[in-house]
């Protein structure tokens, strides 16, 4: 009996050993045209083994890359992209993606808050602008509580952050409430729990009686 551990190493196991054997056989075909046709049939078979419903053209290129990788890049066939994959393509490290350094302060409020603040600054003075700024501050308080639940947040903290973000151009009136959105979210959650928890509450009660 021959064990798998005694056989040739599988390069990409998801395609199975037979695909690897077929690719190894393709290397032995002497005529270029026959070798190319055989390679295309093998790629078609690879696609049948792992069908994809997304971008077919992009997936085909990926299959061809896997074909060359299984062949250890030692086969004379044409890649559809016109560029022959090499061993360096498989071993090279991807380019480092730098983490964005802009807006590194007050990230817990999100980028859209800054856009809203810019819009508020450009608005004409009046009741509409005052209400808009109040909603921004209310959302900032909600966002602060969402991302910093272990920290207490007061209106003074939010108003000071709003002042810093707007460079002193926006203020909220003293009579304004910054808990408008927070209260609305709490009521929505309470209403949702009330609708979903009624049946579960009864079942728990019956369970306690049976015990």
N, C-alpha and C. Protein backbone atom coordinates (compact mmCIF):
# COMPACT_ATOMS: atom_id res chain seq x y z
N UNK A 1 0.84 -1.20 0.00
CA UNK A 1 0.00 0.00 0.00
C UNK A 1 0.87 1.25 0.00
N UNK A 2 0.47 2.22 -0.83
CA UNK A 2 1.23 3.47 -0.91
C UNK A 2 0.48 4.56 -0.18
N UNK A 3 1.13 5.16 0.79
CA UNK A 3 0.51 6.22 1.58
C UNK A 3 0.69 7.57 0.88
N UNK A 4 -0.23 8.49 1.17
CA UNK A 4 -0.13 9.83 0.58
C UNK A 4 1.16 10.53 0.97
N UNK A 5 1.64 10.24 2.16
CA UNK A 5 2.88 10.86 2.63
C UNK A 5 4.08 10.42 1.81
N UNK A 6 3.93 9.31 1.08
CA UNK A 6 5.02 8.81 0.26
C UNK A 6 4.94 9.34 -1.17
N UNK A 7 3.84 10.00 -1.51
CA UNK A 7 3.65 10.51 -2.86
C UNK A 7 4.26 11.90 -2.99
N UNK A 8 4.20 12.42 -4.19
CA UNK A 8 4.72 13.77 -4.46
C UNK A 8 3.94 14.81 -3.66
N UNK A 9 4.62 15.82 -3.20
CA UNK A 9 3.99 16.86 -2.39
C UNK A 9 2.93 17.59 -3.18
N UNK A 10 1.77 17.80 -2.52
CA UNK A 10 0.69 18.56 -3.15
C UNK A 10 0.99 20.04 -3.04
N UNK A 11 0.99 20.74 -4.16
CA UNK A 11 1.30 22.17 -4.16
C UNK A 11 0.08 23.00 -3.77
N UNK A 12 -1.07 22.72 -4.40
CA UNK A 12 -2.34 23.34 -4.01
C UNK A 12 -3.34 22.20 -3.84
N UNK A 13 -3.57 21.81 -2.62
CA UNK A 13 -4.34 20.60 -2.35
C UNK A 13 -5.81 20.71 -2.73
N UNK A 14 -6.36 21.92 -2.83
CA UNK A 14 -7.79 22.07 -3.10
C UNK A 14 -8.18 21.55 -4.48
N UNK A 15 -7.23 21.43 -5.40
CA UNK A 15 -7.53 20.93 -6.73
C UNK A 15 -7.35 19.42 -6.85
N UNK A 16 -6.74 18.83 -5.86
CA UNK A 16 -6.56 17.39 -5.87
C UNK A 16 -5.29 16.95 -6.60
N UNK A 17 -4.93 15.70 -6.37
CA UNK A 17 -3.70 15.17 -6.95
C UNK A 17 -3.82 14.94 -8.45
N UNK A 18 -5.03 14.63 -8.93
CA UNK A 18 -5.18 14.35 -10.36
C UNK A 18 -4.88 15.60 -11.20
N UNK A 19 -5.29 16.78 -10.73
CA UNK A 19 -4.98 18.01 -11.46
C UNK A 19 -3.48 18.22 -11.53
N UNK A 20 -2.81 17.96 -10.43
CA UNK A 20 -1.36 18.11 -10.41
C UNK A 20 -0.70 17.12 -11.36
N UNK A 21 -1.25 15.92 -11.41
CA UNK A 21 -0.69 14.92 -12.35
C UNK A 21 -0.92 15.35 -13.79
N UNK A 22 -2.09 15.93 -14.07
CA UNK A 22 -2.36 16.38 -15.43
C UNK A 22 -1.43 17.52 -15.84
N UNK A 23 -1.16 18.42 -14.91
CA UNK A 23 -0.26 19.54 -15.22
C UNK A 23 1.16 19.02 -15.43
N UNK A 24 1.55 18.05 -14.64
CA UNK A 24 2.88 17.44 -14.83
C UNK A 24 2.96 16.75 -16.20
N UNK A 25 1.84 16.14 -16.60
CA UNK A 25 1.82 15.49 -17.92
C UNK A 25 1.92 16.54 -19.03
N UNK A 26 1.28 17.71 -18.82
CA UNK A 26 1.32 18.77 -19.83
C UNK A 26 2.75 19.19 -20.12
N UNK A 27 3.61 19.09 -19.12
CA UNK A 27 5.02 19.46 -19.33
C UNK A 27 5.70 18.57 -20.35
N UNK A 28 5.19 17.33 -20.48
CA UNK A 28 5.85 16.36 -21.35
C UNK A 28 5.38 16.46 -22.80
N UNK A 29 4.33 17.25 -23.06
CA UNK A 29 3.83 17.39 -24.43
C UNK A 29 4.79 18.26 -25.23
N UNK A 30 5.26 17.75 -26.34
CA UNK A 30 6.32 18.42 -27.09
C UNK A 30 5.79 19.57 -27.95
N UNK A 31 4.66 19.39 -28.60
CA UNK A 31 4.16 20.42 -29.51
C UNK A 31 3.51 21.55 -28.69
N UNK A 32 3.86 22.79 -29.05
CA UNK A 32 3.36 23.94 -28.31
C UNK A 32 1.85 24.07 -28.38
N UNK A 33 1.29 23.86 -29.58
CA UNK A 33 -0.16 24.03 -29.75
C UNK A 33 -0.92 22.99 -28.94
N UNK A 34 -0.48 21.75 -28.99
CA UNK A 34 -1.15 20.69 -28.22
C UNK A 34 -1.00 20.94 -26.72
N UNK A 35 0.17 21.41 -26.30
CA UNK A 35 0.39 21.70 -24.89
C UNK A 35 -0.52 22.83 -24.40
N UNK A 36 -0.70 23.85 -25.25
CA UNK A 36 -1.55 24.98 -24.90
C UNK A 36 -3.01 24.53 -24.77
N UNK A 37 -3.46 23.72 -25.75
CA UNK A 37 -4.84 23.24 -25.70
C UNK A 37 -5.07 22.36 -24.48
N UNK A 38 -4.12 21.53 -24.17
CA UNK A 38 -4.25 20.65 -23.00
C UNK A 38 -4.30 21.48 -21.73
N UNK A 39 -3.46 22.52 -21.65
CA UNK A 39 -3.44 23.38 -20.47
C UNK A 39 -4.78 24.09 -20.28
N UNK A 40 -5.38 24.55 -21.37
CA UNK A 40 -6.68 25.22 -21.29
C UNK A 40 -7.77 24.26 -20.81
N UNK A 41 -7.69 22.99 -21.25
CA UNK A 41 -8.65 22.00 -20.78
C UNK A 41 -8.47 21.73 -19.28
N UNK A 42 -7.23 21.73 -18.83
CA UNK A 42 -6.99 21.52 -17.40
C UNK A 42 -7.55 22.68 -16.59
N UNK A 43 -7.38 23.90 -17.07
CA UNK A 43 -7.93 25.07 -16.38
C UNK A 43 -9.46 25.00 -16.34
N UNK A 44 -10.07 24.54 -17.44
CA UNK A 44 -11.52 24.36 -17.44
C UNK A 44 -11.95 23.35 -16.39
N UNK A 45 -11.18 22.30 -16.25
CA UNK A 45 -11.47 21.28 -15.24
C UNK A 45 -11.30 21.86 -13.83
N UNK A 46 -10.29 22.69 -13.64
CA UNK A 46 -10.09 23.34 -12.35
C UNK A 46 -11.27 24.24 -11.99
N UNK A 47 -11.84 24.88 -13.01
CA UNK A 47 -13.00 25.74 -12.77
C UNK A 47 -14.23 24.91 -12.40
N UNK A 48 -14.37 23.74 -12.99
CA UNK A 48 -15.49 22.87 -12.66
C UNK A 48 -15.38 22.34 -11.23
N UNK A 49 -14.16 22.13 -10.78
CA UNK A 49 -13.95 21.64 -9.42
C UNK A 49 -14.31 22.71 -8.40
N UNK A 50 -13.96 23.96 -8.72
CA UNK A 50 -14.25 25.07 -7.82
C UNK A 50 -15.00 26.16 -8.58
N UNK A 51 -16.28 25.95 -8.86
CA UNK A 51 -17.04 26.94 -9.64
C UNK A 51 -17.24 28.23 -8.85
N UNK A 52 -17.21 29.34 -9.55
CA UNK A 52 -17.42 30.65 -8.94
C UNK A 52 -18.49 31.39 -9.74
N UNK A 53 -19.40 32.06 -9.02
CA UNK A 53 -20.48 32.79 -9.68
C UNK A 53 -20.19 34.28 -9.77
N UNK A 54 -19.02 34.71 -9.31
CA UNK A 54 -18.69 36.13 -9.32
C UNK A 54 -18.05 36.51 -10.65
N UNK A 55 -17.02 37.30 -10.63
CA UNK A 55 -16.36 37.76 -11.84
C UNK A 55 -15.62 36.59 -12.50
N UNK A 56 -16.20 36.06 -13.58
CA UNK A 56 -15.64 34.87 -14.20
C UNK A 56 -14.27 35.16 -14.81
N UNK A 57 -14.14 36.30 -15.50
CA UNK A 57 -12.87 36.63 -16.16
C UNK A 57 -11.75 36.75 -15.14
N UNK A 58 -12.03 37.44 -14.04
CA UNK A 58 -11.01 37.60 -13.00
C UNK A 58 -10.67 36.26 -12.36
N UNK A 59 -11.67 35.42 -12.18
CA UNK A 59 -11.44 34.10 -11.56
C UNK A 59 -10.62 33.21 -12.49
N UNK A 60 -10.85 33.33 -13.81
CA UNK A 60 -10.07 32.55 -14.76
C UNK A 60 -8.59 32.90 -14.68
N UNK A 61 -8.29 34.18 -14.54
CA UNK A 61 -6.90 34.59 -14.39
C UNK A 61 -6.29 34.00 -13.12
N UNK A 62 -7.09 33.92 -12.08
CA UNK A 62 -6.61 33.33 -10.83
C UNK A 62 -6.32 31.85 -11.02
N UNK A 63 -7.19 31.16 -11.78
CA UNK A 63 -6.96 29.74 -12.05
C UNK A 63 -5.67 29.52 -12.84
N UNK A 64 -5.43 30.41 -13.80
CA UNK A 64 -4.20 30.29 -14.58
C UNK A 64 -2.97 30.53 -13.69
N UNK A 65 -3.08 31.43 -12.77
CA UNK A 65 -1.97 31.66 -11.84
C UNK A 65 -1.72 30.42 -11.00
N UNK A 66 -2.81 29.78 -10.57
CA UNK A 66 -2.66 28.54 -9.81
C UNK A 66 -2.07 27.43 -10.68
N UNK A 67 -2.46 27.43 -11.97
CA UNK A 67 -1.91 26.44 -12.89
C UNK A 67 -0.39 26.55 -12.95
N UNK A 68 0.10 27.77 -13.13
CA UNK A 68 1.55 27.97 -13.20
C UNK A 68 2.22 27.64 -11.87
N UNK A 69 1.53 27.94 -10.79
CA UNK A 69 2.12 27.65 -9.47
C UNK A 69 2.26 26.15 -9.26
N UNK A 70 1.22 25.38 -9.66
CA UNK A 70 1.29 23.92 -9.54
C UNK A 70 2.38 23.38 -10.45
N UNK A 71 2.53 24.01 -11.61
CA UNK A 71 3.59 23.58 -12.54
C UNK A 71 4.96 24.07 -12.12
N UNK A 72 5.01 24.77 -10.98
CA UNK A 72 6.25 25.33 -10.45
C UNK A 72 6.92 26.24 -11.48
N UNK A 73 6.07 26.88 -12.30
CA UNK A 73 6.49 27.88 -13.28
C UNK A 73 7.47 27.31 -14.32
N UNK A 74 7.45 25.98 -14.46
CA UNK A 74 8.35 25.31 -15.40
C UNK A 74 7.52 24.68 -16.51
N UNK A 75 6.80 25.51 -17.27
CA UNK A 75 5.99 24.99 -18.37
C UNK A 75 5.84 26.11 -19.40
N UNK A 76 5.89 25.73 -20.65
CA UNK A 76 5.84 26.71 -21.74
C UNK A 76 4.43 26.78 -22.30
N UNK A 77 3.56 27.54 -21.62
CA UNK A 77 2.22 27.82 -22.12
C UNK A 77 1.97 29.32 -21.95
N UNK A 78 0.98 29.83 -22.66
CA UNK A 78 0.71 31.26 -22.65
C UNK A 78 -0.37 31.59 -21.61
N UNK A 79 -0.11 32.58 -20.80
CA UNK A 79 -1.09 33.08 -19.84
C UNK A 79 -2.02 34.04 -20.56
N UNK A 80 -3.34 34.01 -20.29
CA UNK A 80 -4.28 34.89 -21.00
C UNK A 80 -3.97 36.37 -20.87
N UNK A 81 -3.32 36.76 -19.79
CA UNK A 81 -3.01 38.18 -19.59
C UNK A 81 -1.86 38.64 -20.47
N UNK A 82 -1.13 37.70 -21.06
CA UNK A 82 0.01 38.04 -21.88
C UNK A 82 1.31 38.15 -21.10
N UNK A 83 1.22 38.11 -19.76
CA UNK A 83 2.39 38.18 -18.90
C UNK A 83 2.57 36.85 -18.20
N UNK A 84 3.72 36.26 -18.38
CA UNK A 84 3.97 34.96 -17.79
C UNK A 84 4.26 35.09 -16.29
N UNK A 85 3.52 34.39 -15.44
CA UNK A 85 3.81 34.41 -14.01
C UNK A 85 5.18 33.80 -13.72
N UNK A 86 5.81 34.29 -12.69
CA UNK A 86 7.12 33.79 -12.29
C UNK A 86 7.11 33.43 -10.82
N UNK A 87 8.15 32.76 -10.40
CA UNK A 87 8.28 32.39 -9.00
C UNK A 87 8.32 33.63 -8.11
N UNK A 88 8.88 34.71 -8.60
CA UNK A 88 8.97 35.94 -7.82
C UNK A 88 7.59 36.52 -7.52
N UNK A 89 6.63 36.33 -8.44
CA UNK A 89 5.28 36.82 -8.21
C UNK A 89 4.63 36.14 -7.02
N UNK A 90 4.97 34.89 -6.80
CA UNK A 90 4.38 34.13 -5.71
C UNK A 90 5.06 34.40 -4.38
N UNK A 91 6.33 34.76 -4.43
CA UNK A 91 7.09 34.94 -3.19
C UNK A 91 7.20 36.40 -2.77
N UNK A 92 6.90 37.33 -3.69
CA UNK A 92 7.05 38.74 -3.35
C UNK A 92 5.98 39.16 -2.36
N UNK A 93 6.34 40.05 -1.47
CA UNK A 93 5.42 40.55 -0.46
C UNK A 93 4.56 41.66 -1.05
N UNK A 94 3.30 41.74 -0.65
CA UNK A 94 2.44 42.82 -1.17
C UNK A 94 2.90 44.17 -0.65
N UNK A 95 2.56 45.21 -1.38
CA UNK A 95 2.94 46.54 -0.96
C UNK A 95 2.26 46.90 0.35
N UNK A 96 2.98 47.57 1.20
CA UNK A 96 2.45 47.97 2.49
C UNK A 96 1.43 49.09 2.31
N UNK A 97 0.28 48.91 2.92
CA UNK A 97 -0.76 49.93 2.87
C UNK A 97 -0.64 50.78 4.12
N UNK A 98 -0.32 52.03 3.89
CA UNK A 98 -0.15 52.94 5.00
C UNK A 98 -1.49 53.26 5.65
N UNK A 99 -1.51 53.25 6.97
CA UNK A 99 -2.72 53.61 7.70
C UNK A 99 -2.93 55.11 7.56
N UNK A 100 -4.15 55.53 7.25
CA UNK A 100 -4.38 56.97 7.08
C UNK A 100 -4.06 57.75 8.34
N UNK A 101 -3.28 58.80 8.16
CA UNK A 101 -2.87 59.60 9.32
C UNK A 101 -3.74 60.82 9.51
N UNK A 102 -4.54 61.18 8.50
CA UNK A 102 -5.40 62.35 8.66
C UNK A 102 -6.52 62.04 9.64
N UNK A 103 -6.99 63.07 10.28
CA UNK A 103 -8.08 62.95 11.22
C UNK A 103 -7.77 61.93 12.32
N UNK A 104 -6.55 61.97 12.83
CA UNK A 104 -6.18 61.01 13.85
C UNK A 104 -6.79 61.35 15.20
N UNK A 105 -7.26 62.59 15.37
CA UNK A 105 -7.93 62.98 16.60
C UNK A 105 -9.44 62.85 16.43
N UNK A 106 -10.10 62.52 17.52
CA UNK A 106 -11.56 62.40 17.55
C UNK A 106 -12.08 61.38 16.54
N UNK A 107 -11.38 60.27 16.37
CA UNK A 107 -11.81 59.27 15.40
C UNK A 107 -13.12 58.60 15.81
N UNK A 108 -13.42 58.60 17.10
CA UNK A 108 -14.63 57.92 17.56
C UNK A 108 -15.89 58.61 17.06
N UNK A 109 -15.76 59.85 16.59
CA UNK A 109 -16.93 60.54 16.04
C UNK A 109 -17.15 60.19 14.57
N UNK A 110 -16.13 59.75 13.89
CA UNK A 110 -16.26 59.38 12.49
C UNK A 110 -16.03 60.55 11.54
N UNK A 111 -15.74 60.22 10.31
CA UNK A 111 -15.44 61.23 9.29
C UNK A 111 -16.67 62.04 8.91
N UNK A 112 -17.84 61.41 8.95
CA UNK A 112 -19.06 62.10 8.52
C UNK A 112 -19.41 63.25 9.45
N UNK A 113 -19.03 63.15 10.72
CA UNK A 113 -19.29 64.26 11.64
C UNK A 113 -18.53 65.50 11.19
N UNK A 114 -17.32 65.30 10.73
CA UNK A 114 -16.53 66.44 10.24
C UNK A 114 -17.20 67.07 9.01
N UNK A 115 -17.76 66.24 8.15
CA UNK A 115 -18.45 66.77 6.98
C UNK A 115 -19.69 67.55 7.39
N UNK A 116 -20.41 67.03 8.38
CA UNK A 116 -21.59 67.74 8.87
C UNK A 116 -21.21 69.08 9.50
N UNK A 117 -20.10 69.08 10.22
CA UNK A 117 -19.63 70.33 10.85
C UNK A 117 -19.26 71.35 9.78
N UNK A 118 -18.60 70.91 8.72
CA UNK A 118 -18.25 71.82 7.63
C UNK A 118 -19.50 72.39 6.97
N UNK A 119 -20.52 71.54 6.82
CA UNK A 119 -21.78 72.01 6.23
C UNK A 119 -22.44 73.03 7.15
N UNK A 120 -22.43 72.76 8.46
CA UNK A 120 -23.06 73.67 9.42
C UNK A 120 -22.37 75.03 9.43
N UNK A 121 -21.06 75.02 9.30
CA UNK A 121 -20.31 76.28 9.29
C UNK A 121 -20.70 77.14 8.09
N UNK A 122 -21.00 76.49 6.98
CA UNK A 122 -21.34 77.24 5.76
C UNK A 122 -22.79 77.71 5.72
N UNK A 123 -23.61 77.26 6.66
CA UNK A 123 -25.03 77.63 6.66
C UNK A 123 -25.23 79.05 7.19
N UNK A 124 -26.34 79.65 6.78
CA UNK A 124 -26.70 80.97 7.28
C UNK A 124 -27.18 80.87 8.72
N UNK A 125 -26.93 81.92 9.48
CA UNK A 125 -27.37 81.94 10.86
C UNK A 125 -28.89 81.93 10.92
N UNK A 126 -29.40 81.20 11.91
CA UNK A 126 -30.85 81.13 12.07
C UNK A 126 -31.27 79.87 12.79
N UNK A 127 -32.57 79.68 12.87
CA UNK A 127 -33.14 78.55 13.61
C UNK A 127 -32.74 77.21 12.99
N UNK A 128 -32.72 77.15 11.65
CA UNK A 128 -32.37 75.90 10.97
C UNK A 128 -30.94 75.49 11.30
N UNK A 129 -30.03 76.44 11.28
CA UNK A 129 -28.64 76.12 11.60
C UNK A 129 -28.51 75.69 13.05
N UNK A 130 -29.21 76.38 13.96
CA UNK A 130 -29.15 76.02 15.38
C UNK A 130 -29.62 74.59 15.61
N UNK A 131 -30.74 74.22 14.96
CA UNK A 131 -31.24 72.85 15.10
C UNK A 131 -30.29 71.83 14.50
N UNK A 132 -29.65 72.20 13.38
CA UNK A 132 -28.71 71.30 12.73
C UNK A 132 -27.49 71.06 13.62
N UNK A 133 -26.97 72.12 14.21
CA UNK A 133 -25.81 72.00 15.09
C UNK A 133 -26.17 71.19 16.33
N UNK A 134 -27.37 71.39 16.84
CA UNK A 134 -27.81 70.63 18.01
C UNK A 134 -27.88 69.13 17.70
N UNK A 135 -28.35 68.79 16.51
CA UNK A 135 -28.40 67.38 16.11
C UNK A 135 -26.99 66.80 15.95
N UNK A 136 -26.07 67.60 15.45
CA UNK A 136 -24.69 67.14 15.34
C UNK A 136 -24.12 66.82 16.72
N UNK A 137 -24.33 67.72 17.65
CA UNK A 137 -23.83 67.50 19.02
C UNK A 137 -24.48 66.30 19.66
N UNK A 138 -25.79 66.13 19.42
CA UNK A 138 -26.50 64.98 19.97
C UNK A 138 -25.94 63.67 19.41
N UNK A 139 -25.65 63.67 18.08
CA UNK A 139 -25.06 62.47 17.47
C UNK A 139 -23.65 62.22 18.02
N UNK A 140 -22.90 63.26 18.23
CA UNK A 140 -21.55 63.11 18.79
C UNK A 140 -21.61 62.45 20.17
N UNK A 141 -22.60 62.81 20.96
CA UNK A 141 -22.74 62.21 22.29
C UNK A 141 -23.11 60.74 22.17
N UNK A 142 -24.00 60.43 21.23
CA UNK A 142 -24.38 59.04 21.00
C UNK A 142 -23.19 58.22 20.53
N UNK A 143 -22.39 58.78 19.61
CA UNK A 143 -21.21 58.07 19.11
C UNK A 143 -20.18 57.88 20.21
N UNK A 144 -20.02 58.87 21.05
CA UNK A 144 -19.07 58.78 22.17
C UNK A 144 -19.47 57.64 23.09
N UNK A 145 -20.75 57.55 23.43
CA UNK A 145 -21.23 56.49 24.32
C UNK A 145 -21.11 55.11 23.66
N UNK A 146 -21.26 55.07 22.34
CA UNK A 146 -21.19 53.79 21.64
C UNK A 146 -19.78 53.23 21.65
N UNK A 147 -18.78 54.09 21.41
CA UNK A 147 -17.41 53.64 21.29
C UNK A 147 -16.62 53.75 22.59
N UNK A 148 -17.17 54.42 23.57
CA UNK A 148 -16.52 54.53 24.88
C UNK A 148 -17.53 54.26 25.99
N UNK A 149 -18.15 53.07 26.00
CA UNK A 149 -19.21 52.80 26.98
C UNK A 149 -18.72 52.80 28.42
N UNK A 150 -17.42 52.57 28.62
CA UNK A 150 -16.90 52.51 29.98
C UNK A 150 -16.58 53.88 30.54
N UNK A 151 -16.65 54.91 29.70
CA UNK A 151 -16.34 56.27 30.16
C UNK A 151 -17.60 57.11 30.23
N UNK A 152 -17.68 57.92 31.27
CA UNK A 152 -18.80 58.84 31.41
C UNK A 152 -18.59 60.03 30.48
N UNK A 153 -19.64 60.44 29.80
CA UNK A 153 -19.55 61.58 28.90
C UNK A 153 -20.59 62.61 29.31
N UNK A 154 -20.15 63.82 29.48
CA UNK A 154 -21.04 64.92 29.85
C UNK A 154 -21.25 65.83 28.65
N UNK A 155 -22.25 66.70 28.75
CA UNK A 155 -22.49 67.66 27.69
C UNK A 155 -21.29 68.59 27.50
N UNK A 156 -20.61 68.88 28.60
CA UNK A 156 -19.45 69.77 28.52
C UNK A 156 -18.36 69.18 27.64
N UNK A 157 -18.16 67.86 27.73
CA UNK A 157 -17.15 67.21 26.90
C UNK A 157 -17.51 67.33 25.42
N UNK A 158 -18.77 67.05 25.11
CA UNK A 158 -19.23 67.10 23.72
C UNK A 158 -19.13 68.52 23.17
N UNK A 159 -19.58 69.50 23.95
CA UNK A 159 -19.55 70.88 23.49
C UNK A 159 -18.12 71.36 23.28
N UNK A 160 -17.21 70.92 24.13
CA UNK A 160 -15.82 71.31 23.98
C UNK A 160 -15.21 70.66 22.72
N UNK A 161 -15.56 69.37 22.47
CA UNK A 161 -15.07 68.70 21.26
C UNK A 161 -15.65 69.35 20.01
N UNK A 162 -16.92 69.73 20.08
CA UNK A 162 -17.54 70.41 18.94
C UNK A 162 -16.84 71.74 18.66
N UNK A 163 -16.48 72.42 19.71
CA UNK A 163 -15.79 73.70 19.55
C UNK A 163 -14.42 73.50 18.92
N UNK A 164 -13.73 72.43 19.34
CA UNK A 164 -12.40 72.15 18.77
C UNK A 164 -12.51 71.73 17.31
N UNK A 165 -13.47 70.86 17.00
CA UNK A 165 -13.61 70.38 15.64
C UNK A 165 -14.04 71.49 14.68
N UNK A 166 -14.85 72.42 15.18
CA UNK A 166 -15.30 73.52 14.33
C UNK A 166 -14.40 74.74 14.43
N UNK A 167 -13.31 74.62 15.19
CA UNK A 167 -12.37 75.72 15.39
C UNK A 167 -13.09 76.96 15.95
N UNK A 168 -13.98 76.69 16.90
CA UNK A 168 -14.68 77.76 17.60
C UNK A 168 -15.80 78.42 16.82
N UNK A 169 -16.21 77.83 15.70
CA UNK A 169 -17.22 78.47 14.86
C UNK A 169 -18.64 77.99 15.15
N UNK A 170 -18.78 76.90 15.93
CA UNK A 170 -20.11 76.37 16.22
C UNK A 170 -20.32 76.26 17.72
N UNK A 171 -21.52 76.61 18.15
CA UNK A 171 -21.90 76.50 19.55
C UNK A 171 -23.34 76.01 19.63
N UNK A 172 -23.66 75.43 20.78
CA UNK A 172 -25.02 74.97 21.04
C UNK A 172 -25.59 75.79 22.17
N UNK A 173 -26.86 76.18 22.04
CA UNK A 173 -27.49 77.01 23.07
C UNK A 173 -27.56 76.26 24.40
N UNK A 174 -27.58 76.98 25.49
CA UNK A 174 -27.55 76.38 26.82
C UNK A 174 -28.79 75.54 27.11
N UNK A 175 -29.91 75.86 26.51
CA UNK A 175 -31.16 75.14 26.77
C UNK A 175 -31.31 73.87 25.93
N UNK A 176 -30.33 73.59 25.10
CA UNK A 176 -30.43 72.43 24.22
C UNK A 176 -30.16 71.14 25.00
N UNK A 177 -30.81 70.05 24.54
CA UNK A 177 -30.59 68.73 25.11
C UNK A 177 -29.81 67.88 24.12
N UNK A 178 -28.73 67.29 24.58
CA UNK A 178 -27.89 66.45 23.71
C UNK A 178 -28.26 64.98 23.81
N UNK A 179 -29.33 64.66 24.51
CA UNK A 179 -29.73 63.26 24.69
C UNK A 179 -30.89 62.87 23.79
N UNK A 180 -31.18 63.69 22.78
CA UNK A 180 -32.32 63.40 21.91
C UNK A 180 -32.15 62.08 21.18
N UNK A 181 -31.02 61.90 20.51
CA UNK A 181 -30.80 60.66 19.76
C UNK A 181 -30.61 59.48 20.69
N UNK A 182 -29.94 59.70 21.82
CA UNK A 182 -29.72 58.60 22.77
C UNK A 182 -31.04 58.09 23.31
N UNK A 183 -31.95 59.00 23.64
CA UNK A 183 -33.26 58.60 24.15
C UNK A 183 -34.06 57.86 23.09
N UNK A 184 -33.95 58.31 21.85
CA UNK A 184 -34.67 57.64 20.76
C UNK A 184 -34.17 56.23 20.56
N UNK A 185 -32.85 56.03 20.64
CA UNK A 185 -32.28 54.69 20.48
C UNK A 185 -32.71 53.79 21.62
N UNK A 186 -32.72 54.33 22.85
CA UNK A 186 -33.15 53.54 24.00
C UNK A 186 -34.60 53.11 23.88
N UNK A 187 -35.47 54.02 23.45
CA UNK A 187 -36.88 53.69 23.29
C UNK A 187 -37.08 52.62 22.23
N UNK A 188 -36.30 52.72 21.13
CA UNK A 188 -36.41 51.73 20.06
C UNK A 188 -35.97 50.36 20.55
N UNK A 189 -34.87 50.31 21.31
CA UNK A 189 -34.40 49.03 21.83
C UNK A 189 -35.38 48.46 22.85
N UNK A 190 -35.93 49.33 23.69
CA UNK A 190 -36.89 48.88 24.70
C UNK A 190 -38.14 48.32 24.05
N UNK A 191 -38.61 49.00 23.00
CA UNK A 191 -39.79 48.54 22.28
C UNK A 191 -39.51 47.21 21.59
N UNK A 192 -38.30 47.07 21.01
CA UNK A 192 -37.93 45.82 20.34
C UNK A 192 -37.83 44.67 21.34
N UNK A 193 -37.21 44.94 22.49
CA UNK A 193 -37.09 43.90 23.52
C UNK A 193 -38.44 43.51 24.08
N UNK A 194 -39.36 44.49 24.18
CA UNK A 194 -40.68 44.22 24.70
C UNK A 194 -41.46 43.30 23.77
N UNK A 195 -41.30 43.53 22.45
CA UNK A 195 -42.00 42.69 21.48
C UNK A 195 -41.42 41.29 21.43
N UNK A 196 -40.09 41.17 21.48
CA UNK A 196 -39.44 39.87 21.34
C UNK A 196 -39.32 39.12 22.65
N UNK A 197 -39.39 39.85 23.75
CA UNK A 197 -39.13 39.21 25.04
C UNK A 197 -40.36 38.71 25.76
N UNK A 198 -41.54 39.01 25.25
CA UNK A 198 -42.74 38.57 25.95
C UNK A 198 -42.86 37.07 26.00
N UNK A 199 -42.70 36.43 24.83
CA UNK A 199 -42.82 34.97 24.78
C UNK A 199 -41.70 34.30 25.53
N UNK A 200 -40.49 34.84 25.39
CA UNK A 200 -39.36 34.21 26.08
C UNK A 200 -39.52 34.34 27.57
N UNK A 201 -40.09 35.47 28.01
CA UNK A 201 -40.30 35.64 29.44
C UNK A 201 -41.26 34.62 29.99
N UNK A 202 -42.34 34.31 29.22
CA UNK A 202 -43.29 33.32 29.68
C UNK A 202 -42.66 31.94 29.76
N UNK A 203 -41.85 31.61 28.76
CA UNK A 203 -41.23 30.28 28.76
C UNK A 203 -40.27 30.15 29.93
N UNK A 204 -39.55 31.21 30.26
CA UNK A 204 -38.65 31.15 31.40
C UNK A 204 -39.42 30.96 32.70
N UNK A 205 -40.60 31.61 32.79
CA UNK A 205 -41.40 31.50 33.99
C UNK A 205 -41.89 30.07 34.16
N UNK A 206 -42.35 29.46 33.05
CA UNK A 206 -42.81 28.08 33.13
C UNK A 206 -41.67 27.15 33.49
N UNK A 207 -40.50 27.46 32.95
CA UNK A 207 -39.35 26.62 33.25
C UNK A 207 -39.03 26.65 34.73
N UNK A 208 -39.15 27.82 35.34
CA UNK A 208 -38.84 27.92 36.78
C UNK A 208 -39.87 27.14 37.60
N UNK A 209 -41.14 27.16 37.13
CA UNK A 209 -42.17 26.43 37.87
C UNK A 209 -41.96 24.94 37.79
N UNK A 210 -41.50 24.45 36.59
CA UNK A 210 -41.26 23.01 36.48
C UNK A 210 -40.12 22.56 37.35
N UNK A 211 -39.10 23.46 37.50
CA UNK A 211 -38.00 23.05 38.36
C UNK A 211 -38.43 23.05 39.83
